[in-house]
Amino acid sequence: MYWQCQPKLGDRLRWVAQCRDDSAAWLWPRFFFALSVHAAQPGPDEIAKLKEEVARLAVQQQQILDSLDELKKIMRRPGQPALKPPETMSVAGELFKGQPTARVAMIEYADLQCPFCRRFEHEIYPRIRDSYVNTGRLKYFHRDMPLPFHQGAMPAARAIHCASEQGKFWELHDSLLADAASLGAADIDARAGELGVNIAELDRCIASDRFADIIQRGVAEATQMQISGTPTFLIGTLDAQGRLLSVKATVVGAHPFETFKAALDPLLAAAK
């Protein structure tokens, strides 16, 4: 099973059902606890604990609602076609995570509001980072694919590119993916401000079309390759100058770490 912002309907239905069951199992014991402590006039500690647990439930409920909304959109779409990546792709001049000397690379087509991009960022990428990126063996690239039904995705894409002018591309990228539940202008500004970004300059850039061509190029590439959901990954080897990627494998969705390992290790072995 893999997870993507356009997953198989059955997989998503099972996930929503599981979340529903987990929520019910979580809620009722705490509901009766609330009644009991109310009758006993609870102290500040009990009230604070109950509020904290209710807040956790609210987050999970919102995730279920988001998934149901995704399901409505999925049910109106045809099936996903096979990917058609080119043999080679230029990555010249693009920002990346990793060391310049790495000869294997991975490009992620991502939507910063996509819950499955966030799942990859939180659960899978840390292992890829520790095993491959931080050890100098892999370059990781981000390309934009803001999906039209995610209202915050395009402003978020503009924001990270605008933050690059202040040397904060990856910092804001990671911050926005940390919690994509709300990506309004005020939320983006607040997170950028925590990173030391000049908000006035950032907002002027976001309001302009300064990076529109970069974002639209990512969308156009994804469309041409028949990528219809996020995250989607292209994996391959780089030429001696690190400017041209020869595509060797694709991964569609937030697969487990082992899937990426199976694609990366043979390329790394051949690049030695």
C-alpha atoms as a PDB file:
ATOM      1  CA  MET A   1       0.000   0.000   0.000  1.00  0.00           C
ATOM      2  CA  TYR A   2       1.226   3.515  -0.742  1.00  0.00           C
ATOM      3  CA  TRP A   3      -0.160   6.932   0.040  1.00  0.00           C
ATOM      4  CA  GLN A   4      -0.598   9.851  -2.325  1.00  0.00           C
ATOM      5  CA  CYS A   5      -2.851  12.861  -2.817  1.00  0.00           C
ATOM      6  CA  GLN A   6      -4.898  10.843  -5.298  1.00  0.00           C
ATOM      7  CA  PRO A   7      -4.615   7.368  -3.764  1.00  0.00           C
ATOM      8  CA  LYS A   8      -6.532   4.207  -4.539  1.00  0.00           C
ATOM      9  CA  LEU A   9     -10.046   4.612  -3.285  1.00  0.00           C
ATOM     10  CA  GLY A  10     -10.107   1.395  -1.284  1.00  0.00           C
ATOM     11  CA  ASP A  11      -6.911   2.256   0.586  1.00  0.00           C
ATOM     12  CA  ARG A  12      -8.242   5.648   1.577  1.00  0.00           C
ATOM     13  CA  LEU A  13     -11.585   4.240   2.670  1.00  0.00           C
ATOM     14  CA  ARG A  14      -9.822   1.747   4.928  1.00  0.00           C
ATOM     15  CA  TRP A  15      -7.726   4.561   6.408  1.00  0.00           C
ATOM     16  CA  VAL A  16     -10.780   6.728   7.114  1.00  0.00           C
ATOM     17  CA  ALA A  17     -12.597   3.781   8.692  1.00  0.00           C
ATOM     18  CA  GLN A  18      -9.610   3.025  10.893  1.00  0.00           C
ATOM     19  CA  CYS A  19      -9.367   6.656  11.988  1.00  0.00           C
ATOM     20  CA  ARG A  20     -13.097   6.655  12.751  1.00  0.00           C
ATOM     21  CA  ASP A  21     -12.795   3.517  14.875  1.00  0.00           C
ATOM     22  CA  ASP A  22      -9.686   4.822  16.631  1.00  0.00           C
ATOM     23  CA  SER A  23     -11.422   8.118  17.356  1.00  0.00           C
ATOM     24  CA  ALA A  24     -14.430   6.366  18.842  1.00  0.00           C
ATOM     25  CA  ALA A  25     -12.223   4.166  20.984  1.00  0.00           C
ATOM     26  CA  TRP A  26     -10.370   7.253  22.149  1.00  0.00           C
ATOM     27  CA  LEU A  27     -13.384   9.495  22.740  1.00  0.00           C
ATOM     28  CA  TRP A  28     -15.861   7.495  24.810  1.00  0.00           C
ATOM     29  CA  PRO A  29     -13.627   6.617  27.778  1.00  0.00           C
ATOM     30  CA  ARG A  30     -12.617  10.261  28.003  1.00  0.00           C
ATOM     31  CA  PHE A  31     -16.235  11.393  27.702  1.00  0.00           C
ATOM     32  CA  PHE A  32     -17.183   9.383  30.770  1.00  0.00           C
ATOM     33  CA  PHE A  33     -14.011  10.601  32.478  1.00  0.00           C
ATOM     34  CA  ALA A  34     -15.127  14.168  31.793  1.00  0.00           C
ATOM     35  CA  LEU A  35     -18.516  13.479  33.365  1.00  0.00           C
ATOM     36  CA  SER A  36     -16.940  11.961  36.435  1.00  0.00           C
ATOM     37  CA  VAL A  37     -14.421  14.723  36.998  1.00  0.00           C
ATOM     38  CA  HIS A  38     -17.134  17.342  36.383  1.00  0.00           C
ATOM     39  CA  ALA A  39     -19.214  15.807  39.125  1.00  0.00           C
ATOM     40  CA  ALA A  40     -16.220  15.854  41.419  1.00  0.00           C
ATOM     41  CA  GLN A  41     -15.350  19.502  40.609  1.00  0.00           C
ATOM     42  CA  PRO A  42     -11.990  18.843  38.891  1.00  0.00           C
ATOM     43  CA  GLY A  43      -8.926  20.864  39.639  1.00  0.00           C
ATOM     44  CA  PRO A  44      -6.850  22.879  37.162  1.00  0.00           C
ATOM     45  CA  ASP A  45      -4.603  19.918  36.289  1.00  0.00           C
ATOM     46  CA  GLU A  46      -7.506  17.676  35.296  1.00  0.00           C
ATOM     47  CA  ILE A  47      -9.114  20.439  33.247  1.00  0.00           C
ATOM     48  CA  ALA A  48      -5.835  21.195  31.442  1.00  0.00           C
ATOM     49  CA  LYS A  49      -5.314  17.502  30.679  1.00  0.00           C
ATOM     50  CA  LEU A  50      -8.838  17.129  29.312  1.00  0.00           C
ATOM     51  CA  LYS A  51      -8.441  20.223  27.104  1.00  0.00           C
ATOM     52  CA  GLU A  52      -5.184  18.861  25.729  1.00  0.00           C
ATOM     53  CA  GLU A  53      -6.779  15.529  24.844  1.00  0.00           C
ATOM     54  CA  VAL A  54      -9.781  17.228  23.232  1.00  0.00           C
ATOM     55  CA  ALA A  55      -7.364  19.283  21.109  1.00  0.00           C
ATOM     56  CA  ARG A  56      -5.670  16.077  19.946  1.00  0.00           C
ATOM     57  CA  LEU A  57      -9.035  14.642  18.965  1.00  0.00           C
ATOM     58  CA  ALA A  58      -9.890  17.792  17.019  1.00  0.00           C
ATOM     59  CA  VAL A  59      -6.726  17.363  14.947  1.00  0.00           C
ATOM     60  CA  GLN A  60      -7.594  13.753  14.151  1.00  0.00           C
ATOM     61  CA  GLN A  61     -11.162  14.700  13.262  1.00  0.00           C
ATOM     62  CA  GLN A  62      -9.853  17.320  10.835  1.00  0.00           C
ATOM     63  CA  GLN A  63      -7.636  14.692   9.194  1.00  0.00           C
ATOM     64  CA  ILE A  64     -10.697  12.493   8.675  1.00  0.00           C
ATOM     65  CA  LEU A  65     -12.634  15.395   7.163  1.00  0.00           C
ATOM     66  CA  ASP A  66      -9.715  16.190   4.849  1.00  0.00           C
ATOM     67  CA  SER A  67      -9.607  12.582   3.713  1.00  0.00           C
ATOM     68  CA  LEU A  68     -13.334  12.502   3.058  1.00  0.00           C
ATOM     69  CA  ASP A  69     -12.986  15.649   0.982  1.00  0.00           C
ATOM     70  CA  GLU A  70     -10.178  13.990  -0.986  1.00  0.00           C
ATOM     71  CA  LEU A  71     -12.421  10.957  -1.545  1.00  0.00           C
ATOM     72  CA  LYS A  72     -15.124  13.087  -3.131  1.00  0.00           C
ATOM     73  CA  LYS A  73     -12.585  14.468  -5.604  1.00  0.00           C
ATOM     74  CA  ILE A  74     -11.064  11.050  -6.333  1.00  0.00           C
ATOM     75  CA  MET A  75     -14.443   9.502  -7.109  1.00  0.00           C
ATOM     76  CA  ARG A  76     -14.946  12.088  -9.849  1.00  0.00           C
ATOM     77  CA  ARG A  77     -11.631  11.297 -11.612  1.00  0.00           C
ATOM     78  CA  PRO A  78     -10.528   8.565 -14.029  1.00  0.00           C
ATOM     79  CA  GLY A  79      -7.804   6.069 -13.109  1.00  0.00           C
ATOM     80  CA  GLN A  80      -4.163   7.093 -12.963  1.00  0.00           C
ATOM     81  CA  PRO A  81      -2.152   6.401 -16.156  1.00  0.00           C
ATOM     82  CA  ALA A  82       1.378   4.999 -16.186  1.00  0.00           C
ATOM     83  CA  LEU A  83       4.164   7.548 -15.759  1.00  0.00           C
ATOM     84  CA  LYS A  84       6.166   8.589 -18.800  1.00  0.00           C
ATOM     85  CA  PRO A  85       9.357  10.228 -17.516  1.00  0.00           C
ATOM     86  CA  PRO A  86      12.015  11.376 -19.992  1.00  0.00           C
ATOM     87  CA  GLU A  87      15.343   9.606 -20.194  1.00  0.00           C
ATOM     88  CA  THR A  88      17.193  12.682 -18.910  1.00  0.00           C
ATOM     89  CA  MET A  89      16.267  15.871 -17.056  1.00  0.00           C
ATOM     90  CA  SER A  90      18.264  19.013 -16.341  1.00  0.00           C
ATOM     91  CA  VAL A  91      18.756  19.975 -12.685  1.00  0.00           C
ATOM     92  CA  ALA A  92      21.310  22.707 -13.432  1.00  0.00           C
ATOM     93  CA  GLY A  93      21.142  25.577 -10.972  1.00  0.00           C
ATOM     94  CA  GLU A  94      18.455  24.039  -8.762  1.00  0.00           C
ATOM     95  CA  LEU A  95      18.602  24.072  -4.989  1.00  0.00           C
ATOM     96  CA  PHE A  96      19.139  20.692  -3.368  1.00  0.00           C
ATOM     97  CA  LYS A  97      19.772  18.979  -0.082  1.00  0.00           C
ATOM     98  CA  GLY A  98      22.961  16.962   0.107  1.00  0.00           C
ATOM     99  CA  GLN A  99      26.547  17.262  -1.071  1.00  0.00           C
ATOM    100  CA  PRO A 100      27.607  18.633  -4.484  1.00  0.00           C
ATOM    101  CA  THR A 101      29.671  15.500  -5.112  1.00  0.00           C
ATOM    102  CA  ALA A 102      26.714  13.092  -4.900  1.00  0.00           C
ATOM    103  CA  ARG A 103      26.111  11.215  -8.146  1.00  0.00           C
ATOM    104  CA  VAL A 104      22.651   9.849  -7.383  1.00  0.00           C
ATOM    105  CA  ALA A 105      19.631  12.144  -7.096  1.00  0.00           C
ATOM    106  CA  MET A 106      15.938  12.115  -6.305  1.00  0.00           C
ATOM    107  CA  ILE A 107      13.379  14.672  -7.451  1.00  0.00           C
ATOM    108  CA  GLU A 108      10.120  14.947  -5.520  1.00  0.00           C
ATOM    109  CA  TYR A 109       7.098  16.494  -7.196  1.00  0.00           C
ATOM    110  CA  ALA A 110       5.224  17.793  -4.183  1.00  0.00           C
ATOM    111  CA  ASP A 111       2.242  19.810  -3.014  1.00  0.00           C
ATOM    112  CA  LEU A 112       2.992  21.521   0.294  1.00  0.00           C
ATOM    113  CA  GLN A 113      -0.598  21.077   1.480  1.00  0.00           C
ATOM    114  CA  CYS A 114      -0.760  17.389   0.590  1.00  0.00           C
ATOM    115  CA  PRO A 115      -1.102  15.201   3.711  1.00  0.00           C
ATOM    116  CA  PHE A 116       0.866  12.414   2.027  1.00  0.00           C
ATOM    117  CA  CYS A 117       3.755  14.739   1.183  1.00  0.00           C
ATOM    118  CA  ARG A 118       3.709  15.588   4.876  1.00  0.00           C
ATOM    119  CA  ARG A 119       3.636  11.885   5.726  1.00  0.00           C
ATOM    120  CA  PHE A 120       6.710  11.348   3.554  1.00  0.00           C
ATOM    121  CA  GLU A 121       8.452  14.339   5.110  1.00  0.00           C
ATOM    122  CA  HIS A 122       7.803  13.171   8.672  1.00  0.00           C
ATOM    123  CA  GLU A 123       8.026   9.386   8.487  1.00  0.00           C
ATOM    124  CA  ILE A 124      10.154   8.423   5.489  1.00  0.00           C
ATOM    125  CA  TYR A 125      12.441  11.263   4.491  1.00  0.00           C
ATOM    126  CA  PRO A 126      14.305  11.344   7.863  1.00  0.00           C
ATOM    127  CA  ARG A 127      15.600   7.812   7.153  1.00  0.00           C
ATOM    128  CA  ILE A 128      16.538   8.761   3.592  1.00  0.00           C
ATOM    129  CA  ARG A 129      18.259  11.879   4.931  1.00  0.00           C
ATOM    130  CA  ASP A 130      20.260   9.988   7.536  1.00  0.00           C
ATOM    131  CA  SER A 131      21.186   7.072   5.266  1.00  0.00           C
ATOM    132  CA  TYR A 132      21.828   8.858   1.972  1.00  0.00           C
ATOM    133  CA  VAL A 133      21.617  12.669   2.003  1.00  0.00           C
ATOM    134  CA  ASN A 134      23.714  13.444   5.076  1.00  0.00           C
ATOM    135  CA  THR A 135      26.262  10.797   4.101  1.00  0.00           C
ATOM    136  CA  GLY A 136      26.953  12.597   0.820  1.00  0.00           C
ATOM    137  CA  ARG A 137      25.499   9.915  -1.445  1.00  0.00           C
ATOM    138  CA  LEU A 138      22.222  11.507  -2.569  1.00  0.00           C
ATOM    139  CA  LYS A 139      20.995  14.883  -3.766  1.00  0.00           C
ATOM    140  CA  TYR A 140      17.356  15.638  -3.001  1.00  0.00           C
ATOM    141  CA  PHE A 141      15.460  18.119  -5.200  1.00  0.00           C
ATOM    142  CA  HIS A 142      12.003  19.641  -4.771  1.00  0.00           C
ATOM    143  CA  ARG A 143       9.772  20.503  -7.698  1.00  0.00           C
ATOM    144  CA  ASP A 144       6.384  22.145  -7.435  1.00  0.00           C
ATOM    145  CA  MET A 145       3.099  20.460  -8.177  1.00  0.00           C
ATOM    146  CA  PRO A 146       0.432  22.457  -6.303  1.00  0.00           C
ATOM    147  CA  LEU A 147      -2.843  20.622  -6.805  1.00  0.00           C
ATOM    148  CA  PRO A 148      -5.845  22.765  -7.759  1.00  0.00           C
ATOM    149  CA  PHE A 149      -8.066  21.487  -4.953  1.00  0.00           C
ATOM    150  CA  HIS A 150      -5.559  22.550  -2.265  1.00  0.00           C
ATOM    151  CA  GLN A 151      -6.129  26.283  -1.857  1.00  0.00           C
ATOM    152  CA  GLY A 152      -3.000  26.844   0.194  1.00  0.00           C
ATOM    153  CA  ALA A 153      -0.651  24.937  -2.109  1.00  0.00           C
ATOM    154  CA  MET A 154       0.089  27.693  -4.630  1.00  0.00           C
ATOM    155  CA  PRO A 155       0.726  30.442  -2.035  1.00  0.00           C
ATOM    156  CA  ALA A 156       2.975  28.007  -0.167  1.00  0.00           C
ATOM    157  CA  ALA A 157       4.903  27.208  -3.349  1.00  0.00           C
ATOM    158  CA  ARG A 158       5.377  30.911  -4.038  1.00  0.00           C
ATOM    159  CA  ALA A 159       6.449  31.470  -0.439  1.00  0.00           C
ATOM    160  CA  ILE A 160       9.293  28.957  -0.387  1.00  0.00           C
ATOM    161  CA  HIS A 161      10.734  30.304  -3.637  1.00  0.00           C
ATOM    162  CA  CYS A 162      10.438  33.860  -2.349  1.00  0.00           C
ATOM    163  CA  ALA A 163      12.157  32.760   0.865  1.00  0.00           C
ATOM    164  CA  SER A 164      15.047  31.505  -1.269  1.00  0.00           C
ATOM    165  CA  GLU A 165      15.915  35.146  -1.933  1.00  0.00           C
ATOM    166  CA  GLN A 166      16.699  35.383   1.777  1.00  0.00           C
ATOM    167  CA  GLY A 167      18.476  32.034   1.950  1.00  0.00           C
ATOM    168  CA  LYS A 168      15.536  30.281   3.630  1.00  0.00           C
ATOM    169  CA  PHE A 169      14.117  28.014   0.912  1.00  0.00           C
ATOM    170  CA  TRP A 170      14.584  24.715   2.711  1.00  0.00           C
ATOM    171  CA  GLU A 171      13.840  26.142   6.141  1.00  0.00           C
ATOM    172  CA  LEU A 172      10.417  27.413   5.054  1.00  0.00           C
ATOM    173  CA  HIS A 173       9.810  24.293   2.935  1.00  0.00           C
ATOM    174  CA  ASP A 174      10.312  22.119   6.004  1.00  0.00           C
ATOM    175  CA  SER A 175       8.288  24.420   8.266  1.00  0.00           C
ATOM    176  CA  LEU A 176       5.259  24.493   5.979  1.00  0.00           C
ATOM    177  CA  LEU A 177       5.315  20.711   5.585  1.00  0.00           C
ATOM    178  CA  ALA A 178       5.526  20.294   9.352  1.00  0.00           C
ATOM    179  CA  ASP A 179       1.849  21.290   9.580  1.00  0.00           C
ATOM    180  CA  ALA A 180       0.000  21.921   6.351  1.00  0.00           C
ATOM    181  CA  ALA A 181      -3.448  22.076   7.955  1.00  0.00           C
ATOM    182  CA  SER A 182      -3.503  25.856   7.575  1.00  0.00           C
ATOM    183  CA  LEU A 183      -1.535  27.653   4.883  1.00  0.00           C
ATOM    184  CA  GLY A 184      -3.217  31.036   4.839  1.00  0.00           C
ATOM    185  CA  ALA A 185      -1.188  34.202   4.351  1.00  0.00           C
ATOM    186  CA  ALA A 186      -1.036  34.889   8.075  1.00  0.00           C
ATOM    187  CA  ASP A 187       0.132  31.335   8.818  1.00  0.00           C
ATOM    188  CA  ILE A 188       2.878  31.507   6.196  1.00  0.00           C
ATOM    189  CA  ASP A 189       4.033  34.895   7.492  1.00  0.00           C
ATOM    190  CA  ALA A 190       4.074  33.626  11.078  1.00  0.00           C
ATOM    191  CA  ARG A 191       6.242  30.628  10.233  1.00  0.00           C
ATOM    192  CA  ALA A 192       8.530  32.679   8.010  1.00  0.00           C
ATOM    193  CA  GLY A 193       8.904  35.225  10.793  1.00  0.00           C
ATOM    194  CA  GLU A 194      10.018  32.507  13.191  1.00  0.00           C
ATOM    195  CA  LEU A 195      12.800  31.697  10.701  1.00  0.00           C
ATOM    196  CA  GLY A 196      14.021  35.274  10.589  1.00  0.00           C
ATOM    197  CA  VAL A 197      12.604  36.044   7.143  1.00  0.00           C
ATOM    198  CA  ASN A 198      11.834  39.689   6.347  1.00  0.00           C
ATOM    199  CA  ILE A 199       8.046  39.478   6.067  1.00  0.00           C
ATOM    200  CA  ALA A 200       7.527  42.694   4.108  1.00  0.00           C
ATOM    201  CA  GLU A 201       9.936  41.549   1.409  1.00  0.00           C
ATOM    202  CA  LEU A 202       8.441  38.050   1.416  1.00  0.00           C
ATOM    203  CA  ASP A 203       4.883  39.328   0.983  1.00  0.00           C
ATOM    204  CA  ARG A 204       5.867  41.645  -1.872  1.00  0.00           C
ATOM    205  CA  CYS A 205       7.468  38.707  -3.632  1.00  0.00           C
ATOM    206  CA  ILE A 206       4.493  36.388  -3.047  1.00  0.00           C
ATOM    207  CA  ALA A 207       2.125  39.029  -4.462  1.00  0.00           C
ATOM    208  CA  SER A 208       4.237  39.270  -7.619  1.00  0.00           C
ATOM    209  CA  ASP A 209       4.719  36.723 -10.388  1.00  0.00           C
ATOM    210  CA  ARG A 210       8.452  36.477  -9.760  1.00  0.00           C
ATOM    211  CA  PHE A 211       8.630  32.685  -9.481  1.00  0.00           C
ATOM    212  CA  ALA A 212       5.504  31.809 -11.449  1.00  0.00           C
ATOM    213  CA  ASP A 213       7.542  30.400 -14.322  1.00  0.00           C
ATOM    214  CA  ILE A 214       9.428  27.977 -12.062  1.00  0.00           C
ATOM    215  CA  ILE A 215       6.237  26.729 -10.436  1.00  0.00           C
ATOM    216  CA  GLN A 216       4.384  26.376 -13.725  1.00  0.00           C
ATOM    217  CA  ARG A 217       7.341  24.548 -15.255  1.00  0.00           C
ATOM    218  CA  GLY A 218       7.083  21.932 -12.516  1.00  0.00           C
ATOM    219  CA  VAL A 219       3.352  21.546 -13.134  1.00  0.00           C
ATOM    220  CA  ALA A 220       3.861  21.312 -16.895  1.00  0.00           C
ATOM    221  CA  GLU A 221       6.594  18.679 -16.503  1.00  0.00           C
ATOM    222  CA  ALA A 222       4.391  16.631 -14.196  1.00  0.00           C
ATOM    223  CA  THR A 223       1.480  16.843 -16.642  1.00  0.00           C
ATOM    224  CA  GLN A 224       3.676  15.777 -19.545  1.00  0.00           C
ATOM    225  CA  MET A 225       4.906  12.782 -17.548  1.00  0.00           C
ATOM    226  CA  GLN A 226       1.297  11.931 -16.605  1.00  0.00           C
ATOM    227  CA  ILE A 227       1.969  12.512 -12.911  1.00  0.00           C
ATOM    228  CA  SER A 228      -1.477  13.020 -11.415  1.00  0.00           C
ATOM    229  CA  GLY A 229      -0.811  13.001  -7.679  1.00  0.00           C
ATOM    230  CA  THR A 230       1.714  13.874  -5.007  1.00  0.00           C
ATOM    231  CA  PRO A 231       4.218  12.911  -3.841  1.00  0.00           C
ATOM    232  CA  THR A 232       5.840  11.389  -6.932  1.00  0.00           C
ATOM    233  CA  PHE A 233       9.581  10.738  -7.195  1.00  0.00           C
ATOM    234  CA  LEU A 234      12.091  10.393 -10.015  1.00  0.00           C
ATOM    235  CA  ILE A 235      15.363   8.683  -9.096  1.00  0.00           C
ATOM    236  CA  GLY A 236      18.497   8.455 -11.189  1.00  0.00           C
ATOM    237  CA  THR A 237      22.179   9.180 -11.705  1.00  0.00           C
ATOM    238  CA  LEU A 238      23.883  12.504 -12.382  1.00  0.00           C
ATOM    239  CA  ASP A 239      26.497  13.315 -14.961  1.00  0.00           C
ATOM    240  CA  ALA A 240      30.020  14.362 -13.921  1.00  0.00           C
ATOM    241  CA  GLN A 241      28.980  18.017 -13.700  1.00  0.00           C
ATOM    242  CA  GLY A 242      25.890  17.243 -11.620  1.00  0.00           C
ATOM    243  CA  ARG A 243      23.636  19.017 -14.100  1.00  0.00           C
ATOM    244  CA  LEU A 244      21.848  16.220 -15.935  1.00  0.00           C
ATOM    245  CA  LEU A 245      19.797  13.475 -14.311  1.00  0.00           C
ATOM    246  CA  SER A 246      19.395  10.146 -16.105  1.00  0.00           C
ATOM    247  CA  VAL A 247      16.070   8.811 -14.827  1.00  0.00           C
ATOM    248  CA  LYS A 248      16.333   5.166 -13.754  1.00  0.00           C
ATOM    249  CA  ALA A 249      13.320   4.638 -11.481  1.00  0.00           C
ATOM    250  CA  THR A 250      10.071   6.206 -10.281  1.00  0.00           C
ATOM    251  CA  VAL A 251       8.207   5.925  -6.994  1.00  0.00           C
ATOM    252  CA  VAL A 252       4.562   6.990  -6.859  1.00  0.00           C
ATOM    253  CA  GLY A 253       3.336   7.894  -3.392  1.00  0.00           C
ATOM    254  CA  ALA A 254       4.742   7.873   0.133  1.00  0.00           C
ATOM    255  CA  HIS A 255       6.053   4.312   0.054  1.00  0.00           C
ATOM    256  CA  PRO A 256       7.969   2.857   3.013  1.00  0.00           C
ATOM    257  CA  PHE A 257      11.690   3.570   3.297  1.00  0.00           C
ATOM    258  CA  GLU A 258      12.490   0.088   1.994  1.00  0.00           C
ATOM    259  CA  THR A 259      11.000   0.945  -1.409  1.00  0.00           C
ATOM    260  CA  PHE A 260      13.359   3.901  -1.795  1.00  0.00           C
ATOM    261  CA  LYS A 261      16.268   1.853  -0.524  1.00  0.00           C
ATOM    262  CA  ALA A 262      15.598  -0.806  -3.162  1.00  0.00           C
ATOM    263  CA  ALA A 263      15.713   1.863  -5.878  1.00  0.00           C
ATOM    264  CA  LEU A 264      18.734   3.755  -4.530  1.00  0.00           C
ATOM    265  CA  ASP A 265      21.181   1.042  -3.485  1.00  0.00           C
ATOM    266  CA  PRO A 266      21.776  -0.473  -6.961  1.00  0.00           C
ATOM    267  CA  LEU A 267      22.403   2.984  -8.413  1.00  0.00           C
ATOM    268  CA  LEU A 268      24.822   3.848  -5.646  1.00  0.00           C
ATOM    269  CA  ALA A 269      26.655   0.561  -6.102  1.00  0.00           C
ATOM    270  CA  ALA A 270      27.001   1.180  -9.851  1.00  0.00           C
ATOM    271  CA  ALA A 271      28.182   4.758  -9.292  1.00  0.00           C
ATOM    272  CA  LYS A 272      31.207   3.696  -7.223  1.00  0.00           C
END
